[in-house]
């Protein structure tokens, strides 16, 4: 990008928790943020609180029709996207383990945490191709690492394991286009998902995403990060 170009970043699930902290940190670095939430009202409220160069868009990444509508809205705001941060995710597991979970609950995790991310990359590719420094960051979890899998939260863990695999495939597929793709684990963060007893703040959870979006060397591609360090998938 030229010196005058402002980095445009789309953050899914940017209305609360880690996503909101990511948007806040990016704005502080002079970026322009496209903030999505499942309801437009939620996205607008978050944009109002952030008070910066924020474009709110409604988006449910588990629904292809919603993705198409969001992309059409994005097109009206410009033809370039420098960074896609796939932060939106669900944790559907409630009092289940790998021996009791239903197919529907397994599918819920996959539809959003894995398939939704793949579809978002596909949908945003024409915008990313217009950037001189295109990056994709997938919000994964240590619970999706091979050595982090447990018998609990099977939908979440398996969907994040599959997301890590998708990150590797996307990185390989997009390297020829100059688009780098990485995954990251934010750690256990105080959010609606993580709960109040989590040891990390949303800002701490957001730090690596902000770094990957703005400062990380482009030689990092197809990697898994925690606290700005490469970890094992």
C-alpha atoms as a PDB file:
ATOM      1  CA  UNK A   1       0.000   0.000   0.000  1.00  0.00           C
ATOM      2  CA  UNK A   2       1.109   3.528  -0.605  1.00  0.00           C
ATOM      3  CA  UNK A   3       1.881   5.836   2.264  1.00  0.00           C
ATOM      4  CA  UNK A   4      -1.479   7.554   1.931  1.00  0.00           C
ATOM      5  CA  UNK A   5      -3.510   4.347   2.049  1.00  0.00           C
ATOM      6  CA  UNK A   6      -5.479   3.644   5.198  1.00  0.00           C
ATOM      7  CA  UNK A   7      -5.598  -0.017   6.156  1.00  0.00           C
ATOM      8  CA  UNK A   8      -9.140  -1.361   5.848  1.00  0.00           C
ATOM      9  CA  UNK A   9      -9.975  -4.214   8.188  1.00  0.00           C
ATOM     10  CA  UNK A  10     -13.160  -6.264   8.415  1.00  0.00           C
ATOM     11  CA  UNK A  11     -13.773  -7.762  11.868  1.00  0.00           C
ATOM     12  CA  UNK A  12     -16.554 -10.328  12.207  1.00  0.00           C
ATOM     13  CA  UNK A  13     -18.296 -10.456  15.571  1.00  0.00           C
ATOM     14  CA  UNK A  14     -16.868  -7.041  16.380  1.00  0.00           C
ATOM     15  CA  UNK A  15     -19.678  -5.825  18.616  1.00  0.00           C
ATOM     16  CA  UNK A  16     -18.400  -7.281  21.894  1.00  0.00           C
ATOM     17  CA  UNK A  17     -15.598  -9.111  23.678  1.00  0.00           C
ATOM     18  CA  UNK A  18     -12.400  -9.798  21.793  1.00  0.00           C
ATOM     19  CA  UNK A  19     -13.841  -8.537  18.491  1.00  0.00           C
ATOM     20  CA  UNK A  20     -14.690  -5.158  20.024  1.00  0.00           C
ATOM     21  CA  UNK A  21     -11.208  -4.936  21.580  1.00  0.00           C
ATOM     22  CA  UNK A  22      -9.657  -5.765  18.197  1.00  0.00           C
ATOM     23  CA  UNK A  23     -11.661  -2.997  16.512  1.00  0.00           C
ATOM     24  CA  UNK A  24     -10.668  -0.562  19.258  1.00  0.00           C
ATOM     25  CA  UNK A  25      -6.982  -1.414  18.912  1.00  0.00           C
ATOM     26  CA  UNK A  26      -7.062  -1.126  15.129  1.00  0.00           C
ATOM     27  CA  UNK A  27      -8.727   2.283  15.278  1.00  0.00           C
ATOM     28  CA  UNK A  28      -5.989   3.430  17.665  1.00  0.00           C
ATOM     29  CA  UNK A  29      -3.476   2.463  14.969  1.00  0.00           C
ATOM     30  CA  UNK A  30      -5.269   4.571  12.360  1.00  0.00           C
ATOM     31  CA  UNK A  31      -7.064   1.741  10.573  1.00  0.00           C
ATOM     32  CA  UNK A  32     -10.533   1.902   9.069  1.00  0.00           C
ATOM     33  CA  UNK A  33     -12.773  -0.839  10.482  1.00  0.00           C
ATOM     34  CA  UNK A  34     -15.721  -2.628   8.942  1.00  0.00           C
ATOM     35  CA  UNK A  35     -17.453  -4.077  11.995  1.00  0.00           C
ATOM     36  CA  UNK A  36     -19.982  -6.863  11.634  1.00  0.00           C
ATOM     37  CA  UNK A  37     -22.476  -8.321  14.072  1.00  0.00           C
ATOM     38  CA  UNK A  38     -25.424 -10.638  13.614  1.00  0.00           C
ATOM     39  CA  UNK A  39     -27.826  -7.714  14.005  1.00  0.00           C
ATOM     40  CA  UNK A  40     -27.318  -4.305  12.410  1.00  0.00           C
ATOM     41  CA  UNK A  41     -28.455  -2.636  15.638  1.00  0.00           C
ATOM     42  CA  UNK A  42     -25.653  -4.371  17.556  1.00  0.00           C
ATOM     43  CA  UNK A  43     -23.105  -3.355  14.926  1.00  0.00           C
ATOM     44  CA  UNK A  44     -24.330   0.247  14.967  1.00  0.00           C
ATOM     45  CA  UNK A  45     -24.241   0.402  18.768  1.00  0.00           C
ATOM     46  CA  UNK A  46     -20.652  -0.871  18.807  1.00  0.00           C
ATOM     47  CA  UNK A  47     -19.674   1.621  16.093  1.00  0.00           C
ATOM     48  CA  UNK A  48     -21.215   4.411  18.163  1.00  0.00           C
ATOM     49  CA  UNK A  49     -19.214   3.362  21.227  1.00  0.00           C
ATOM     50  CA  UNK A  50     -15.989   3.119  19.239  1.00  0.00           C
ATOM     51  CA  UNK A  51     -16.377   6.608  17.745  1.00  0.00           C
ATOM     52  CA  UNK A  52     -14.035   6.309  14.799  1.00  0.00           C
ATOM     53  CA  UNK A  53     -13.796   5.270  11.175  1.00  0.00           C
ATOM     54  CA  UNK A  54     -16.200   2.357  11.605  1.00  0.00           C
ATOM     55  CA  UNK A  55     -18.683   0.961   9.096  1.00  0.00           C
ATOM     56  CA  UNK A  56     -21.309  -1.277  10.765  1.00  0.00           C
ATOM     57  CA  UNK A  57     -22.698  -4.198   8.738  1.00  0.00           C
ATOM     58  CA  UNK A  58     -25.107  -7.004   9.656  1.00  0.00           C
ATOM     59  CA  UNK A  59     -23.614 -10.453   9.111  1.00  0.00           C
ATOM     60  CA  UNK A  60     -24.347 -13.997  10.242  1.00  0.00           C
ATOM     61  CA  UNK A  61     -21.417 -16.053   8.970  1.00  0.00           C
ATOM     62  CA  UNK A  62     -23.365 -19.303   9.341  1.00  0.00           C
ATOM     63  CA  UNK A  63     -25.743 -18.134   6.584  1.00  0.00           C
ATOM     64  CA  UNK A  64     -24.619 -17.762   2.958  1.00  0.00           C
ATOM     65  CA  UNK A  65     -27.443 -15.366   2.129  1.00  0.00           C
ATOM     66  CA  UNK A  66     -26.309 -13.092   4.953  1.00  0.00           C
ATOM     67  CA  UNK A  67     -22.708 -13.281   3.708  1.00  0.00           C
ATOM     68  CA  UNK A  68     -23.782 -12.308   0.183  1.00  0.00           C
ATOM     69  CA  UNK A  69     -25.803  -9.354   1.488  1.00  0.00           C
ATOM     70  CA  UNK A  70     -22.912  -8.187   3.667  1.00  0.00           C
ATOM     71  CA  UNK A  71     -20.473  -8.393   0.757  1.00  0.00           C
ATOM     72  CA  UNK A  72     -22.844  -6.342  -1.401  1.00  0.00           C
ATOM     73  CA  UNK A  73     -22.960  -3.692   1.342  1.00  0.00           C
ATOM     74  CA  UNK A  74     -19.162  -3.834   1.613  1.00  0.00           C
ATOM     75  CA  UNK A  75     -18.853  -3.285  -2.134  1.00  0.00           C
ATOM     76  CA  UNK A  76     -20.771  -0.029  -1.789  1.00  0.00           C
ATOM     77  CA  UNK A  77     -18.124   1.272   0.641  1.00  0.00           C
ATOM     78  CA  UNK A  78     -15.078   0.448  -1.485  1.00  0.00           C
ATOM     79  CA  UNK A  79     -13.428  -2.238  -3.593  1.00  0.00           C
ATOM     80  CA  UNK A  80     -10.442  -2.991  -1.338  1.00  0.00           C
ATOM     81  CA  UNK A  81      -9.993  -4.894   1.879  1.00  0.00           C
ATOM     82  CA  UNK A  82      -6.549  -5.234   3.431  1.00  0.00           C
ATOM     83  CA  UNK A  83      -7.309  -7.507   6.367  1.00  0.00           C
ATOM     84  CA  UNK A  84     -10.079  -9.993   7.160  1.00  0.00           C
ATOM     85  CA  UNK A  85     -10.272 -10.979  10.830  1.00  0.00           C
ATOM     86  CA  UNK A  86     -12.549 -13.985  11.254  1.00  0.00           C
ATOM     87  CA  UNK A  87     -13.344 -13.458  14.916  1.00  0.00           C
ATOM     88  CA  UNK A  88     -17.026 -14.469  15.090  1.00  0.00           C
ATOM     89  CA  UNK A  89     -17.583 -17.865  16.657  1.00  0.00           C
ATOM     90  CA  UNK A  90     -19.940 -19.941  18.746  1.00  0.00           C
ATOM     91  CA  UNK A  91     -19.542 -22.261  21.730  1.00  0.00           C
ATOM     92  CA  UNK A  92     -22.672 -24.416  21.522  1.00  0.00           C
ATOM     93  CA  UNK A  93     -21.519 -27.176  23.867  1.00  0.00           C
ATOM     94  CA  UNK A  94     -23.657 -27.283  26.994  1.00  0.00           C
ATOM     95  CA  UNK A  95     -23.368 -30.226  29.379  1.00  0.00           C
ATOM     96  CA  UNK A  96     -22.269 -32.590  26.612  1.00  0.00           C
ATOM     97  CA  UNK A  97     -19.153 -34.584  25.835  1.00  0.00           C
ATOM     98  CA  UNK A  98     -17.941 -36.528  22.811  1.00  0.00           C
ATOM     99  CA  UNK A  99     -20.109 -39.506  23.828  1.00  0.00           C
ATOM    100  CA  UNK A 100     -23.352 -37.570  24.246  1.00  0.00           C
ATOM    101  CA  UNK A 101     -23.235 -34.692  21.752  1.00  0.00           C
ATOM    102  CA  UNK A 102     -25.867 -34.639  18.998  1.00  0.00           C
ATOM    103  CA  UNK A 103     -25.200 -34.283  15.294  1.00  0.00           C
ATOM    104  CA  UNK A 104     -27.093 -30.970  15.315  1.00  0.00           C
ATOM    105  CA  UNK A 105     -24.827 -29.513  17.981  1.00  0.00           C
ATOM    106  CA  UNK A 106     -21.722 -30.710  16.144  1.00  0.00           C
ATOM    107  CA  UNK A 107     -23.058 -29.092  12.982  1.00  0.00           C
ATOM    108  CA  UNK A 108     -23.743 -25.803  14.786  1.00  0.00           C
ATOM    109  CA  UNK A 109     -20.089 -25.495  15.727  1.00  0.00           C
ATOM    110  CA  UNK A 110     -18.842 -26.415  12.266  1.00  0.00           C
ATOM    111  CA  UNK A 111     -21.273 -24.147  10.388  1.00  0.00           C
ATOM    112  CA  UNK A 112     -20.013 -21.030  12.143  1.00  0.00           C
ATOM    113  CA  UNK A 113     -16.500 -21.728  13.373  1.00  0.00           C
ATOM    114  CA  UNK A 114     -15.227 -23.568  10.303  1.00  0.00           C
ATOM    115  CA  UNK A 115     -17.499 -23.380   7.276  1.00  0.00           C
ATOM    116  CA  UNK A 116     -18.417 -19.738   7.954  1.00  0.00           C
ATOM    117  CA  UNK A 117     -14.755 -18.728   7.968  1.00  0.00           C
ATOM    118  CA  UNK A 118     -14.044 -20.545   4.699  1.00  0.00           C
ATOM    119  CA  UNK A 119     -17.043 -18.906   3.054  1.00  0.00           C
ATOM    120  CA  UNK A 120     -15.986 -15.476   4.323  1.00  0.00           C
ATOM    121  CA  UNK A 121     -12.547 -15.853   2.759  1.00  0.00           C
ATOM    122  CA  UNK A 122     -14.142 -16.944  -0.513  1.00  0.00           C
ATOM    123  CA  UNK A 123     -16.588 -14.030  -0.465  1.00  0.00           C
ATOM    124  CA  UNK A 124     -13.993 -11.391   0.448  1.00  0.00           C
ATOM    125  CA  UNK A 125     -11.312 -12.628  -1.933  1.00  0.00           C
ATOM    126  CA  UNK A 126     -12.046 -10.069  -4.692  1.00  0.00           C
ATOM    127  CA  UNK A 127     -11.555  -7.273  -2.130  1.00  0.00           C
ATOM    128  CA  UNK A 128      -8.397  -8.796  -0.656  1.00  0.00           C
ATOM    129  CA  UNK A 129      -6.927  -9.167  -4.141  1.00  0.00           C
ATOM    130  CA  UNK A 130      -7.039  -5.371  -4.474  1.00  0.00           C
ATOM    131  CA  UNK A 131      -4.677  -4.919  -1.508  1.00  0.00           C
ATOM    132  CA  UNK A 132      -0.892  -4.756  -1.634  1.00  0.00           C
ATOM    133  CA  UNK A 133      -0.663  -6.269   1.866  1.00  0.00           C
ATOM    134  CA  UNK A 134      -3.602  -8.638   2.242  1.00  0.00           C
ATOM    135  CA  UNK A 135      -3.905 -10.666   5.425  1.00  0.00           C
ATOM    136  CA  UNK A 136      -6.438 -13.123   6.854  1.00  0.00           C
ATOM    137  CA  UNK A 137      -6.521 -13.882  10.579  1.00  0.00           C
ATOM    138  CA  UNK A 138      -8.627 -16.747  11.915  1.00  0.00           C
ATOM    139  CA  UNK A 139      -9.594 -16.747  15.578  1.00  0.00           C
ATOM    140  CA  UNK A 140      -8.934 -20.300  16.694  1.00  0.00           C
ATOM    141  CA  UNK A 141      -8.296 -21.815  20.128  1.00  0.00           C
ATOM    142  CA  UNK A 142      -5.820 -23.955  21.976  1.00  0.00           C
ATOM    143  CA  UNK A 143      -8.769 -26.324  22.384  1.00  0.00           C
ATOM    144  CA  UNK A 144      -8.463 -26.950  18.646  1.00  0.00           C
ATOM    145  CA  UNK A 145      -4.762 -27.811  18.762  1.00  0.00           C
ATOM    146  CA  UNK A 146      -4.004 -31.527  18.512  1.00  0.00           C
ATOM    147  CA  UNK A 147      -2.454 -31.533  21.975  1.00  0.00           C
ATOM    148  CA  UNK A 148      -5.280 -29.409  23.386  1.00  0.00           C
ATOM    149  CA  UNK A 149      -8.258 -31.574  22.473  1.00  0.00           C
ATOM    150  CA  UNK A 150     -10.387 -32.758  25.379  1.00  0.00           C
ATOM    151  CA  UNK A 151     -13.500 -34.905  25.719  1.00  0.00           C
ATOM    152  CA  UNK A 152     -15.528 -31.842  26.681  1.00  0.00           C
ATOM    153  CA  UNK A 153     -16.719 -29.066  24.338  1.00  0.00           C
ATOM    154  CA  UNK A 154     -16.527 -31.435  21.345  1.00  0.00           C
ATOM    155  CA  UNK A 155     -18.343 -29.159  18.898  1.00  0.00           C
ATOM    156  CA  UNK A 156     -16.092 -26.218  19.733  1.00  0.00           C
ATOM    157  CA  UNK A 157     -12.858 -28.212  19.836  1.00  0.00           C
ATOM    158  CA  UNK A 158     -13.471 -30.136  16.634  1.00  0.00           C
ATOM    159  CA  UNK A 159     -14.624 -27.030  14.756  1.00  0.00           C
ATOM    160  CA  UNK A 160     -11.464 -25.170  15.798  1.00  0.00           C
ATOM    161  CA  UNK A 161      -9.318 -28.186  14.857  1.00  0.00           C
ATOM    162  CA  UNK A 162     -10.958 -28.104  11.429  1.00  0.00           C
ATOM    163  CA  UNK A 163     -10.445 -24.321  11.295  1.00  0.00           C
ATOM    164  CA  UNK A 164      -6.730 -24.845  11.870  1.00  0.00           C
ATOM    165  CA  UNK A 165      -6.713 -27.280   8.965  1.00  0.00           C
ATOM    166  CA  UNK A 166      -8.607 -24.788   6.819  1.00  0.00           C
ATOM    167  CA  UNK A 167      -6.040 -22.122   7.746  1.00  0.00           C
ATOM    168  CA  UNK A 168      -3.247 -24.308   6.360  1.00  0.00           C
ATOM    169  CA  UNK A 169      -5.195 -25.021   3.168  1.00  0.00           C
ATOM    170  CA  UNK A 170      -6.113 -21.356   2.653  1.00  0.00           C
ATOM    171  CA  UNK A 171      -2.525 -20.235   3.263  1.00  0.00           C
ATOM    172  CA  UNK A 172      -1.291 -22.665   0.613  1.00  0.00           C
ATOM    173  CA  UNK A 173      -4.047 -21.707  -1.823  1.00  0.00           C
ATOM    174  CA  UNK A 174      -3.607 -17.946  -1.468  1.00  0.00           C
ATOM    175  CA  UNK A 175       0.186 -17.628  -1.238  1.00  0.00           C
ATOM    176  CA  UNK A 176       0.436 -17.214  -5.010  1.00  0.00           C
ATOM    177  CA  UNK A 177      -1.885 -14.205  -4.706  1.00  0.00           C
ATOM    178  CA  UNK A 178       0.293 -12.656  -1.999  1.00  0.00           C
ATOM    179  CA  UNK A 179      -2.352 -13.145   0.701  1.00  0.00           C
ATOM    180  CA  UNK A 180      -1.074 -14.429   4.047  1.00  0.00           C
ATOM    181  CA  UNK A 181      -3.332 -16.510   6.282  1.00  0.00           C
ATOM    182  CA  UNK A 182      -2.720 -17.300   9.942  1.00  0.00           C
ATOM    183  CA  UNK A 183      -4.658 -18.616  12.927  1.00  0.00           C
ATOM    184  CA  UNK A 184      -4.347 -17.504  16.543  1.00  0.00           C
ATOM    185  CA  UNK A 185      -5.401 -18.465  20.043  1.00  0.00           C
ATOM    186  CA  UNK A 186      -6.399 -15.510  22.249  1.00  0.00           C
ATOM    187  CA  UNK A 187      -6.101 -17.513  25.474  1.00  0.00           C
ATOM    188  CA  UNK A 188      -8.829 -17.778  28.099  1.00  0.00           C
ATOM    189  CA  UNK A 189     -10.469 -14.359  27.989  1.00  0.00           C
ATOM    190  CA  UNK A 190     -13.175 -12.625  30.044  1.00  0.00           C
ATOM    191  CA  UNK A 191     -16.008 -12.630  27.510  1.00  0.00           C
ATOM    192  CA  UNK A 192     -19.554 -13.974  27.325  1.00  0.00           C
ATOM    193  CA  UNK A 193     -17.967 -17.189  26.071  1.00  0.00           C
ATOM    194  CA  UNK A 194     -14.972 -17.293  28.416  1.00  0.00           C
ATOM    195  CA  UNK A 195     -16.779 -16.244  31.569  1.00  0.00           C
ATOM    196  CA  UNK A 196     -15.916 -13.815  34.350  1.00  0.00           C
ATOM    197  CA  UNK A 197     -13.310 -16.069  35.964  1.00  0.00           C
ATOM    198  CA  UNK A 198     -11.030 -16.064  32.900  1.00  0.00           C
ATOM    199  CA  UNK A 199      -7.567 -14.613  33.635  1.00  0.00           C
ATOM    200  CA  UNK A 200      -7.182 -12.470  30.530  1.00  0.00           C
ATOM    201  CA  UNK A 201      -8.824  -9.221  29.461  1.00  0.00           C
ATOM    202  CA  UNK A 202     -10.353  -8.781  25.993  1.00  0.00           C
ATOM    203  CA  UNK A 203      -7.492  -6.379  25.227  1.00  0.00           C
ATOM    204  CA  UNK A 204      -4.936  -9.077  26.014  1.00  0.00           C
ATOM    205  CA  UNK A 205      -6.856 -11.536  23.858  1.00  0.00           C
ATOM    206  CA  UNK A 206      -6.975  -9.033  21.000  1.00  0.00           C
ATOM    207  CA  UNK A 207      -3.275  -8.121  20.993  1.00  0.00           C
ATOM    208  CA  UNK A 208      -2.029 -10.890  18.694  1.00  0.00           C
ATOM    209  CA  UNK A 209      -4.808 -10.253  16.160  1.00  0.00           C
ATOM    210  CA  UNK A 210      -3.938  -6.552  16.014  1.00  0.00           C
ATOM    211  CA  UNK A 211      -0.248  -7.412  15.641  1.00  0.00           C
ATOM    212  CA  UNK A 212      -0.950  -9.931  12.847  1.00  0.00           C
ATOM    213  CA  UNK A 213      -3.122  -7.370  11.086  1.00  0.00           C
ATOM    214  CA  UNK A 214      -0.663  -4.494  11.191  1.00  0.00           C
ATOM    215  CA  UNK A 215       2.924  -5.355  12.118  1.00  0.00           C
ATOM    216  CA  UNK A 216       3.699  -9.055  11.789  1.00  0.00           C
ATOM    217  CA  UNK A 217       6.224  -9.984   9.080  1.00  0.00           C
ATOM    218  CA  UNK A 218       4.580 -11.271   5.923  1.00  0.00           C
ATOM    219  CA  UNK A 219       6.908 -14.269   6.103  1.00  0.00           C
ATOM    220  CA  UNK A 220       4.541 -15.604   8.770  1.00  0.00           C
ATOM    221  CA  UNK A 221       2.075 -17.615   6.714  1.00  0.00           C
ATOM    222  CA  UNK A 222       0.069 -20.706   7.565  1.00  0.00           C
ATOM    223  CA  UNK A 223       1.066 -20.465  11.233  1.00  0.00           C
ATOM    224  CA  UNK A 224      -0.727 -20.703  14.579  1.00  0.00           C
ATOM    225  CA  UNK A 225       0.022 -17.963  17.126  1.00  0.00           C
ATOM    226  CA  UNK A 226      -0.458 -17.249  20.810  1.00  0.00           C
ATOM    227  CA  UNK A 227       0.955 -14.069  22.383  1.00  0.00           C
ATOM    228  CA  UNK A 228       2.716 -13.257  19.091  1.00  0.00           C
ATOM    229  CA  UNK A 229       4.622 -16.554  19.187  1.00  0.00           C
ATOM    230  CA  UNK A 230       4.198 -19.534  16.879  1.00  0.00           C
ATOM    231  CA  UNK A 231       2.640 -22.589  18.553  1.00  0.00           C
ATOM    232  CA  UNK A 232       1.850 -26.075  17.259  1.00  0.00           C
ATOM    233  CA  UNK A 233      -1.389 -26.739  15.400  1.00  0.00           C
END
